[in-house]
Amino acid sequence: MKAKEKAEELFDKINIHIPIEASFNHTGKQALEKMTIDHLATKKIVLISVDEMIEVIGYFDSQYGSQIFKDEINFWEEVKEEIEKL
């Protein structure tokens, strides 16, 4: 799976849990602001999750120093970049 696909997958997995019905209680500008806040909250949650992944993989890399861990860290860093673009 490519970094962009993983970023979108994680975003969608979290975003589905953000209650969208709250947006229907607002009109026009308020609804747009609510959706923007929800979008930003989802991004932040996903970024925190990815940071945790990088931290755990980094720990194993520091213990075992395998190229596999370095490749995984690079992949998750790319995922973070793609999340920022969403």
Protein backbone atom coordinates (compact mmCIF):
# COMPACT_ATOMS: atom_id res chain seq x y z
CA MET A 1 0.00 0.00 0.00
CA LYS A 2 1.26 3.45 -0.86
CA ALA A 3 1.59 6.20 1.73
CA LYS A 4 -1.24 8.25 0.19
CA GLU A 5 -3.60 5.27 0.28
CA LYS A 6 -2.71 4.52 3.90
CA ALA A 7 -3.25 8.18 4.86
CA GLU A 8 -6.70 8.16 3.25
CA GLU A 9 -7.57 4.82 4.85
CA LEU A 10 -6.63 6.01 8.34
CA PHE A 11 -8.43 9.32 7.85
CA ASP A 12 -11.60 7.53 6.74
CA LYS A 13 -11.43 5.08 9.65
CA ILE A 14 -11.34 7.94 12.16
CA ASN A 15 -13.62 10.34 10.30
CA ILE A 16 -16.48 7.84 10.32
CA HIS A 17 -16.60 8.21 14.11
CA ILE A 18 -16.97 12.01 14.00
CA PRO A 19 -20.69 12.71 14.37
CA ILE A 20 -21.80 14.45 11.19
CA GLU A 21 -25.37 14.95 12.34
CA ALA A 22 -24.21 17.98 14.33
CA SER A 23 -23.57 19.73 11.01
CA PHE A 24 -27.23 19.36 10.07
CA ASN A 25 -28.25 21.46 13.06
CA HIS A 26 -26.44 24.44 11.52
CA THR A 27 -26.96 26.34 8.32
CA GLY A 28 -24.63 27.89 5.78
CA LYS A 29 -21.46 29.28 7.26
CA GLN A 30 -21.96 27.53 10.62
CA ALA A 31 -22.25 24.13 8.95
CA LEU A 32 -19.12 24.77 6.89
CA GLU A 33 -17.21 25.84 10.01
CA LYS A 34 -18.37 22.70 11.84
CA MET A 35 -17.27 20.46 8.98
CA THR A 36 -13.89 22.23 8.87
CA ILE A 37 -13.40 21.75 12.60
CA ASP A 38 -14.37 18.07 12.28
CA HIS A 39 -11.92 17.65 9.39
CA LEU A 40 -9.09 19.25 11.37
CA ALA A 41 -9.90 17.15 14.44
CA THR A 42 -9.79 13.98 12.36
CA LYS A 43 -6.43 14.98 10.88
CA LYS A 44 -5.02 15.67 14.35
CA ILE A 45 -6.19 12.30 15.69
CA VAL A 46 -4.69 10.47 12.72
CA LEU A 47 -1.41 12.40 13.03
CA ILE A 48 -1.17 11.52 16.72
CA SER A 49 -1.74 7.86 15.85
CA VAL A 50 0.97 7.92 13.19
CA ASP A 51 3.37 9.65 15.56
CA GLU A 52 2.78 6.83 18.04
CA MET A 53 3.52 4.26 15.32
CA ILE A 54 6.76 6.04 14.46
CA GLU A 55 7.75 6.17 18.12
CA VAL A 56 7.16 2.45 18.66
CA ILE A 57 8.98 1.49 15.46
CA GLY A 58 11.79 3.87 16.45
CA TYR A 59 12.15 2.05 19.75
CA PHE A 60 12.56 -1.29 17.99
CA ASP A 61 14.97 0.30 15.54
CA SER A 62 17.09 1.58 18.43
CA GLN A 63 17.11 -1.89 19.99
CA TYR A 64 17.72 -3.98 16.86
CA GLY A 65 18.89 -1.56 14.17
CA SER A 66 17.33 -3.43 11.26
CA GLN A 67 16.82 -1.80 7.86
CA ILE A 68 13.23 -3.05 8.02
CA PHE A 69 12.51 -0.65 10.88
CA LYS A 70 14.15 2.25 9.05
CA ASP A 71 12.03 1.51 5.99
CA GLU A 72 8.90 1.39 8.15
CA ILE A 73 9.77 4.73 9.76
CA ASN A 74 10.27 6.25 6.31
CA PHE A 75 6.92 4.87 5.18
CA TRP A 76 5.08 6.31 8.18
CA GLU A 77 6.82 9.67 7.70
CA GLU A 78 5.47 9.66 4.14
CA VAL A 79 2.01 8.81 5.49
CA LYS A 80 2.25 11.83 7.79
CA GLU A 81 3.07 14.06 4.84
CA GLU A 82 0.06 12.73 2.94
CA ILE A 83 -2.23 13.28 5.94
CA GLU A 84 -1.11 16.90 6.08
CA LYS A 85 -2.27 17.28 2.47
CA LEU A 86 -5.79 16.04 3.21
